[in-house]
């Protein structure tokens, strides 16, 4: 019984993580749509935002400052 309960909890947690990653990925894609050279990739557990000179652009360009910001 305990094993089934743990399995259900892990499955629920995995679904919650997948939903959160999907939301974050969608928001990142939407935000990066207007930025040339910025790519967004996501999988089941992570979102990667990449682009040449992205860190420097984050400092200089207000449109990029949302990257890494907590909401």
PDB file of N, CA and C in Angstrom:
ATOM      1  N   UNK A   1       0.813  -1.184   0.000  1.00  0.00           N
ATOM      2  CA  UNK A   1       0.000   0.000   0.000  1.00  0.00           C
ATOM      3  C   UNK A   1       0.865   1.259   0.000  1.00  0.00           C
ATOM      4  N   UNK A   2       1.925   1.257   0.804  1.00  0.00           N
ATOM      5  CA  UNK A   2       2.815   2.409   0.853  1.00  0.00           C
ATOM      6  C   UNK A   2       3.498   2.628  -0.487  1.00  0.00           C
ATOM      7  N   UNK A   3       3.882   1.576  -1.148  1.00  0.00           N
ATOM      8  CA  UNK A   3       4.541   1.673  -2.454  1.00  0.00           C
ATOM      9  C   UNK A   3       3.602   2.302  -3.482  1.00  0.00           C
ATOM     10  N   UNK A   4       2.328   1.905  -3.444  1.00  0.00           N
ATOM     11  CA  UNK A   4       1.363   2.491  -4.385  1.00  0.00           C
ATOM     12  C   UNK A   4       1.173   3.972  -4.106  1.00  0.00           C
ATOM     13  N   UNK A   5       1.107   4.330  -2.834  1.00  0.00           N
ATOM     14  CA  UNK A   5       0.947   5.731  -2.463  1.00  0.00           C
ATOM     15  C   UNK A   5       2.145   6.559  -2.926  1.00  0.00           C
ATOM     16  N   UNK A   6       3.349   6.027  -2.717  1.00  0.00           N
ATOM     17  CA  UNK A   6       4.550   6.718  -3.182  1.00  0.00           C
ATOM     18  C   UNK A   6       4.561   6.845  -4.698  1.00  0.00           C
ATOM     19  N   UNK A   7       4.161   5.816  -5.398  1.00  0.00           N
ATOM     20  CA  UNK A   7       4.114   5.858  -6.861  1.00  0.00           C
ATOM     21  C   UNK A   7       3.130   6.915  -7.344  1.00  0.00           C
ATOM     22  N   UNK A   8       1.972   6.991  -6.686  1.00  0.00           N
ATOM     23  CA  UNK A   8       0.986   8.007  -7.057  1.00  0.00           C
ATOM     24  C   UNK A   8       1.525   9.408  -6.807  1.00  0.00           C
ATOM     25  N   UNK A   9       2.201   9.597  -5.691  1.00  0.00           N
ATOM     26  CA  UNK A   9       2.793  10.894  -5.370  1.00  0.00           C
ATOM     27  C   UNK A   9       3.870  11.293  -6.365  1.00  0.00           C
ATOM     28  N   UNK A  10       4.718  10.349  -6.734  1.00  0.00           N
ATOM     29  CA  UNK A  10       5.763  10.632  -7.718  1.00  0.00           C
ATOM     30  C   UNK A  10       5.168  10.949  -9.077  1.00  0.00           C
ATOM     31  N   UNK A  11       4.126  10.244  -9.457  1.00  0.00           N
ATOM     32  CA  UNK A  11       3.467  10.509 -10.738  1.00  0.00           C
ATOM     33  C   UNK A  11       2.822  11.893 -10.737  1.00  0.00           C
ATOM     34  N   UNK A  12       2.180  12.256  -9.642  1.00  0.00           N
ATOM     35  CA  UNK A  12       1.559  13.577  -9.550  1.00  0.00           C
ATOM     36  C   UNK A  12       2.626  14.667  -9.598  1.00  0.00           C
ATOM     37  N   UNK A  13       3.732  14.448  -8.919  1.00  0.00           N
ATOM     38  CA  UNK A  13       4.830  15.411  -8.952  1.00  0.00           C
ATOM     39  C   UNK A  13       5.415  15.561 -10.343  1.00  0.00           C
ATOM     40  N   UNK A  14       5.589  14.456 -11.046  1.00  0.00           N
ATOM     41  CA  UNK A  14       6.117  14.496 -12.405  1.00  0.00           C
ATOM     42  C   UNK A  14       5.178  15.255 -13.338  1.00  0.00           C
ATOM     43  N   UNK A  15       3.868  15.055 -13.171  1.00  0.00           N
ATOM     44  CA  UNK A  15       2.904  15.793 -13.996  1.00  0.00           C
ATOM     45  C   UNK A  15       2.966  17.291 -13.695  1.00  0.00           C
ATOM     46  N   UNK A  16       3.109  17.634 -12.433  1.00  0.00           N
ATOM     47  CA  UNK A  16       3.192  19.046 -12.054  1.00  0.00           C
ATOM     48  C   UNK A  16       4.452  19.695 -12.622  1.00  0.00           C
ATOM     49  N   UNK A  17       5.568  18.984 -12.570  1.00  0.00           N
ATOM     50  CA  UNK A  17       6.818  19.511 -13.128  1.00  0.00           C
ATOM     51  C   UNK A  17       6.678  19.700 -14.635  1.00  0.00           C
ATOM     52  N   UNK A  18       6.126  18.719 -15.323  1.00  0.00           N
ATOM     53  CA  UNK A  18       5.957  18.811 -16.774  1.00  0.00           C
ATOM     54  C   UNK A  18       5.061  19.994 -17.142  1.00  0.00           C
ATOM     55  N   UNK A  19       3.992  20.208 -16.381  1.00  0.00           N
ATOM     56  CA  UNK A  19       3.090  21.329 -16.661  1.00  0.00           C
ATOM     57  C   UNK A  19       3.796  22.664 -16.419  1.00  0.00           C
ATOM     58  N   UNK A  20       4.568  22.759 -15.353  1.00  0.00           N
ATOM     59  CA  UNK A  20       5.286  24.000 -15.052  1.00  0.00           C
ATOM     60  C   UNK A  20       6.347  24.285 -16.110  1.00  0.00           C
ATOM     61  N   UNK A  21       7.076  23.266 -16.528  1.00  0.00           N
ATOM     62  CA  UNK A  21       8.094  23.445 -17.560  1.00  0.00           C
ATOM     63  C   UNK A  21       7.445  23.869 -18.871  1.00  0.00           C
ATOM     64  N   UNK A  22       6.301  23.296 -19.193  1.00  0.00           N
ATOM     65  CA  UNK A  22       5.595  23.676 -20.418  1.00  0.00           C
ATOM     66  C   UNK A  22       5.170  25.144 -20.359  1.00  0.00           C
ATOM     67  N   UNK A  23       4.649  25.588 -19.212  1.00  0.00           N
ATOM     68  CA  UNK A  23       4.246  26.990 -19.071  1.00  0.00           C
ATOM     69  C   UNK A  23       5.444  27.930 -19.202  1.00  0.00           C
ATOM     70  N   UNK A  24       6.538  27.581 -18.559  1.00  0.00           N
ATOM     71  CA  UNK A  24       7.739  28.411 -18.615  1.00  0.00           C
ATOM     72  C   UNK A  24       8.299  28.432 -20.030  1.00  0.00           C
ATOM     73  N   UNK A  25       8.316  27.285 -20.681  1.00  0.00           N
ATOM     74  CA  UNK A  25       8.798  27.208 -22.059  1.00  0.00           C
ATOM     75  C   UNK A  25       7.961  28.051 -23.004  1.00  0.00           C
ATOM     76  N   UNK A  26       6.644  27.986 -22.847  1.00  0.00           N
ATOM     77  CA  UNK A  26       5.756  28.797 -23.685  1.00  0.00           C
ATOM     78  C   UNK A  26       5.990  30.288 -23.451  1.00  0.00           C
ATOM     79  N   UNK A  27       6.130  30.674 -22.193  1.00  0.00           N
ATOM     80  CA  UNK A  27       6.379  32.087 -21.872  1.00  0.00           C
ATOM     81  C   UNK A  27       7.729  32.537 -22.442  1.00  0.00           C
ATOM     82  N   UNK A  28       8.731  31.683 -22.361  1.00  0.00           N
ATOM     83  CA  UNK A  28      10.051  32.026 -22.894  1.00  0.00           C
ATOM     84  C   UNK A  28       9.997  32.157 -24.413  1.00  0.00           C
ATOM     85  N   UNK A  29       9.295  31.252 -25.074  1.00  0.00           N
ATOM     86  CA  UNK A  29       9.159  31.337 -26.531  1.00  0.00           C
ATOM     87  C   UNK A  29       8.429  32.617 -26.937  1.00  0.00           C
ATOM     88  N   UNK A  30       7.389  32.934 -26.212  1.00  0.00           N
ATOM     89  CA  UNK A  30       6.625  34.148 -26.502  1.00  0.00           C
ATOM     90  C   UNK A  30       7.506  35.389 -26.314  1.00  0.00           C
ATOM     91  N   UNK A  31       8.268  35.426 -25.231  1.00  0.00           N
ATOM     92  CA  UNK A  31       9.135  36.563 -24.967  1.00  0.00           C
ATOM     93  C   UNK A  31      10.298  36.664 -25.938  1.00  0.00           C
ATOM     94  N   UNK A  32      10.804  35.524 -26.387  1.00  0.00           N
ATOM     95  CA  UNK A  32      11.959  35.512 -27.288  1.00  0.00           C
ATOM     96  C   UNK A  32      11.558  35.679 -28.745  1.00  0.00           C
ATOM     97  N   UNK A  33      10.275  35.653 -29.039  1.00  0.00           N
ATOM     98  CA  UNK A  33       9.817  35.726 -30.427  1.00  0.00           C
ATOM     99  C   UNK A  33      10.294  37.005 -31.112  1.00  0.00           C
ATOM    100  N   UNK A  34      10.362  38.103 -30.397  1.00  0.00           N
ATOM    101  CA  UNK A  34      10.784  39.360 -30.990  1.00  0.00           C
ATOM    102  C   UNK A  34      12.276  39.610 -30.921  1.00  0.00           C
ATOM    103  N   UNK A  35      13.032  38.670 -30.415  1.00  0.00           N
ATOM    104  CA  UNK A  35      14.471  38.849 -30.247  1.00  0.00           C
ATOM    105  C   UNK A  35      15.229  38.016 -31.273  1.00  0.00           C
ATOM    106  N   UNK A  36      15.966  38.671 -32.122  1.00  0.00           N
ATOM    107  CA  UNK A  36      16.719  37.972 -33.155  1.00  0.00           C
ATOM    108  C   UNK A  36      17.861  37.166 -32.539  1.00  0.00           C
ATOM    109  N   UNK A  37      18.031  35.957 -32.978  1.00  0.00           N
ATOM    110  CA  UNK A  37      19.146  35.124 -32.540  1.00  0.00           C
ATOM    111  C   UNK A  37      18.974  34.445 -31.199  1.00  0.00           C
ATOM    112  N   UNK A  38      17.781  34.495 -30.627  1.00  0.00           N
ATOM    113  CA  UNK A  38      17.538  33.849 -29.332  1.00  0.00           C
ATOM    114  C   UNK A  38      16.706  32.596 -29.576  1.00  0.00           C
ATOM    115  N   UNK A  39      17.190  31.475 -29.067  1.00  0.00           N
ATOM    116  CA  UNK A  39      16.477  30.215 -29.220  1.00  0.00           C
ATOM    117  C   UNK A  39      16.026  29.672 -27.878  1.00  0.00           C
ATOM    118  N   UNK A  40      14.896  28.988 -27.905  1.00  0.00           N
ATOM    119  CA  UNK A  40      14.358  28.388 -26.681  1.00  0.00           C
ATOM    120  C   UNK A  40      14.088  26.918 -26.967  1.00  0.00           C
ATOM    121  N   UNK A  41      14.639  26.066 -26.129  1.00  0.00           N
ATOM    122  CA  UNK A  41      14.406  24.629 -26.222  1.00  0.00           C
ATOM    123  C   UNK A  41      13.898  24.136 -24.881  1.00  0.00           C
ATOM    124  N   UNK A  42      12.960  23.209 -24.914  1.00  0.00           N
ATOM    125  CA  UNK A  42      12.485  22.637 -23.659  1.00  0.00           C
ATOM    126  C   UNK A  42      12.241  21.155 -23.836  1.00  0.00           C
ATOM    127  N   UNK A  43      12.400  20.441 -22.730  1.00  0.00           N
ATOM    128  CA  UNK A  43      12.065  19.024 -22.693  1.00  0.00           C
ATOM    129  C   UNK A  43      11.202  18.788 -21.463  1.00  0.00           C
ATOM    130  N   UNK A  44      11.146  17.590 -20.985  1.00  0.00           N
ATOM    131  CA  UNK A  44      10.250  17.263 -19.881  1.00  0.00           C
ATOM    132  C   UNK A  44      10.602  17.953 -18.573  1.00  0.00           C
ATOM    133  N   UNK A  45      11.891  18.296 -18.392  1.00  0.00           N
ATOM    134  CA  UNK A  45      12.284  18.815 -17.087  1.00  0.00           C
ATOM    135  C   UNK A  45      13.107  20.094 -17.116  1.00  0.00           C
ATOM    136  N   UNK A  46      13.344  20.666 -18.297  1.00  0.00           N
ATOM    137  CA  UNK A  46      14.155  21.876 -18.325  1.00  0.00           C
ATOM    138  C   UNK A  46      13.814  22.754 -19.526  1.00  0.00           C
ATOM    139  N   UNK A  47      14.167  24.026 -19.392  1.00  0.00           N
ATOM    140  CA  UNK A  47      14.024  24.998 -20.464  1.00  0.00           C
ATOM    141  C   UNK A  47      15.390  25.640 -20.645  1.00  0.00           C
ATOM    142  N   UNK A  48      15.876  25.677 -21.892  1.00  0.00           N
ATOM    143  CA  UNK A  48      17.163  26.270 -22.199  1.00  0.00           C
ATOM    144  C   UNK A  48      16.959  27.439 -23.151  1.00  0.00           C
ATOM    145  N   UNK A  49      17.468  28.592 -22.760  1.00  0.00           N
ATOM    146  CA  UNK A  49      17.404  29.779 -23.595  1.00  0.00           C
ATOM    147  C   UNK A  49      18.826  30.072 -24.035  1.00  0.00           C
ATOM    148  N   UNK A  50      19.038  30.175 -25.347  1.00  0.00           N
ATOM    149  CA  UNK A  50      20.399  30.356 -25.842  1.00  0.00           C
ATOM    150  C   UNK A  50      20.441  31.416 -26.928  1.00  0.00           C
ATOM    151  N   UNK A  51      21.622  31.944 -27.126  1.00  0.00           N
ATOM    152  CA  UNK A  51      21.841  32.930 -28.167  1.00  0.00           C
ATOM    153  C   UNK A  51      23.211  33.543 -28.001  1.00  0.00           C
ATOM    154  N   UNK A  52      23.782  33.936 -29.111  1.00  0.00           N
ATOM    155  CA  UNK A  52      25.116  34.525 -29.073  1.00  0.00           C
ATOM    156  C   UNK A  52      25.055  35.897 -28.404  1.00  0.00           C
ATOM    157  N   UNK A  53      25.927  36.115 -27.433  1.00  0.00           N
ATOM    158  CA  UNK A  53      25.993  37.396 -26.741  1.00  0.00           C
ATOM    159  C   UNK A  53      24.787  37.676 -25.861  1.00  0.00           C
ATOM    160  N   UNK A  54      24.100  36.624 -25.454  1.00  0.00           N
ATOM    161  CA  UNK A  54      22.863  36.789 -24.708  1.00  0.00           C
ATOM    162  C   UNK A  54      23.087  37.490 -23.362  1.00  0.00           C
ATOM    163  N   UNK A  55      24.150  37.156 -22.673  1.00  0.00           N
ATOM    164  CA  UNK A  55      24.402  37.768 -21.368  1.00  0.00           C
ATOM    165  C   UNK A  55      24.663  39.269 -21.514  1.00  0.00           C
ATOM    166  N   UNK A  56      25.464  39.644 -22.498  1.00  0.00           N
ATOM    167  CA  UNK A  56      25.731  41.060 -22.734  1.00  0.00           C
ATOM    168  C   UNK A  56      24.443  41.786 -23.136  1.00  0.00           C
ATOM    169  N   UNK A  57      23.659  41.143 -23.983  1.00  0.00           N
ATOM    170  CA  UNK A  57      22.391  41.732 -24.404  1.00  0.00           C
ATOM    171  C   UNK A  57      21.437  41.873 -23.232  1.00  0.00           C
ATOM    172  N   UNK A  58      21.518  40.963 -22.272  1.00  0.00           N
ATOM    173  CA  UNK A  58      20.647  41.042 -21.092  1.00  0.00           C
ATOM    174  C   UNK A  58      20.919  42.328 -20.331  1.00  0.00           C
ATOM    175  N   UNK A  59      22.159  42.728 -20.290  1.00  0.00           N
ATOM    176  CA  UNK A  59      22.528  43.966 -19.589  1.00  0.00           C
ATOM    177  C   UNK A  59      22.102  45.188 -20.394  1.00  0.00           C
ATOM    178  N   UNK A  60      22.260  45.149 -21.717  1.00  0.00           N
ATOM    179  CA  UNK A  60      22.035  46.311 -22.571  1.00  0.00           C
ATOM    180  C   UNK A  60      20.595  46.473 -23.056  1.00  0.00           C
ATOM    181  N   UNK A  61      19.879  45.376 -23.246  1.00  0.00           N
ATOM    182  CA  UNK A  61      18.563  45.421 -23.894  1.00  0.00           C
ATOM    183  C   UNK A  61      17.463  45.094 -22.890  1.00  0.00           C
ATOM    184  N   UNK A  62      16.569  46.026 -22.673  1.00  0.00           N
ATOM    185  CA  UNK A  62      15.492  45.836 -21.687  1.00  0.00           C
ATOM    186  C   UNK A  62      14.578  44.668 -22.052  1.00  0.00           C
ATOM    187  N   UNK A  63      14.458  44.351 -23.350  1.00  0.00           N
ATOM    188  CA  UNK A  63      13.587  43.242 -23.756  1.00  0.00           C
ATOM    189  C   UNK A  63      14.125  41.895 -23.306  1.00  0.00           C
ATOM    190  N   UNK A  64      15.410  41.822 -23.003  1.00  0.00           N
ATOM    191  CA  UNK A  64      16.043  40.556 -22.627  1.00  0.00           C
ATOM    192  C   UNK A  64      16.141  40.409 -21.110  1.00  0.00           C
ATOM    193  N   UNK A  65      15.891  41.459 -20.370  1.00  0.00           N
ATOM    194  CA  UNK A  65      16.079  41.422 -18.916  1.00  0.00           C
ATOM    195  C   UNK A  65      15.175  40.460 -18.192  1.00  0.00           C
ATOM    196  N   UNK A  66      14.058  40.086 -18.800  1.00  0.00           N
ATOM    197  CA  UNK A  66      13.138  39.147 -18.150  1.00  0.00           C
ATOM    198  C   UNK A  66      13.763  37.770 -18.029  1.00  0.00           C
ATOM    199  N   UNK A  67      14.815  37.479 -18.796  1.00  0.00           N
ATOM    200  CA  UNK A  67      15.454  36.161 -18.743  1.00  0.00           C
ATOM    201  C   UNK A  67      16.074  35.951 -17.368  1.00  0.00           C
ATOM    202  N   UNK A  68      15.734  34.897 -16.728  1.00  0.00           N
ATOM    203  CA  UNK A  68      16.275  34.582 -15.417  1.00  0.00           C
ATOM    204  C   UNK A  68      15.587  35.289 -14.274  1.00  0.00           C
ATOM    205  N   UNK A  69      14.611  36.101 -14.571  1.00  0.00           N
ATOM    206  CA  UNK A  69      13.893  36.806 -13.508  1.00  0.00           C
ATOM    207  C   UNK A  69      12.881  35.883 -12.860  1.00  0.00           C
ATOM    208  N   UNK A  70      12.739  35.983 -11.579  1.00  0.00           N
ATOM    209  CA  UNK A  70      11.737  35.180 -10.871  1.00  0.00           C
ATOM    210  C   UNK A  70      10.390  35.860 -10.986  1.00  0.00           C
ATOM    211  N   UNK A  71       9.367  35.062 -11.178  1.00  0.00           N
ATOM    212  CA  UNK A  71       8.016  35.612 -11.283  1.00  0.00           C
ATOM    213  C   UNK A  71       7.184  35.119 -10.150  1.00  0.00           C
TER     214      UNK A  71
END
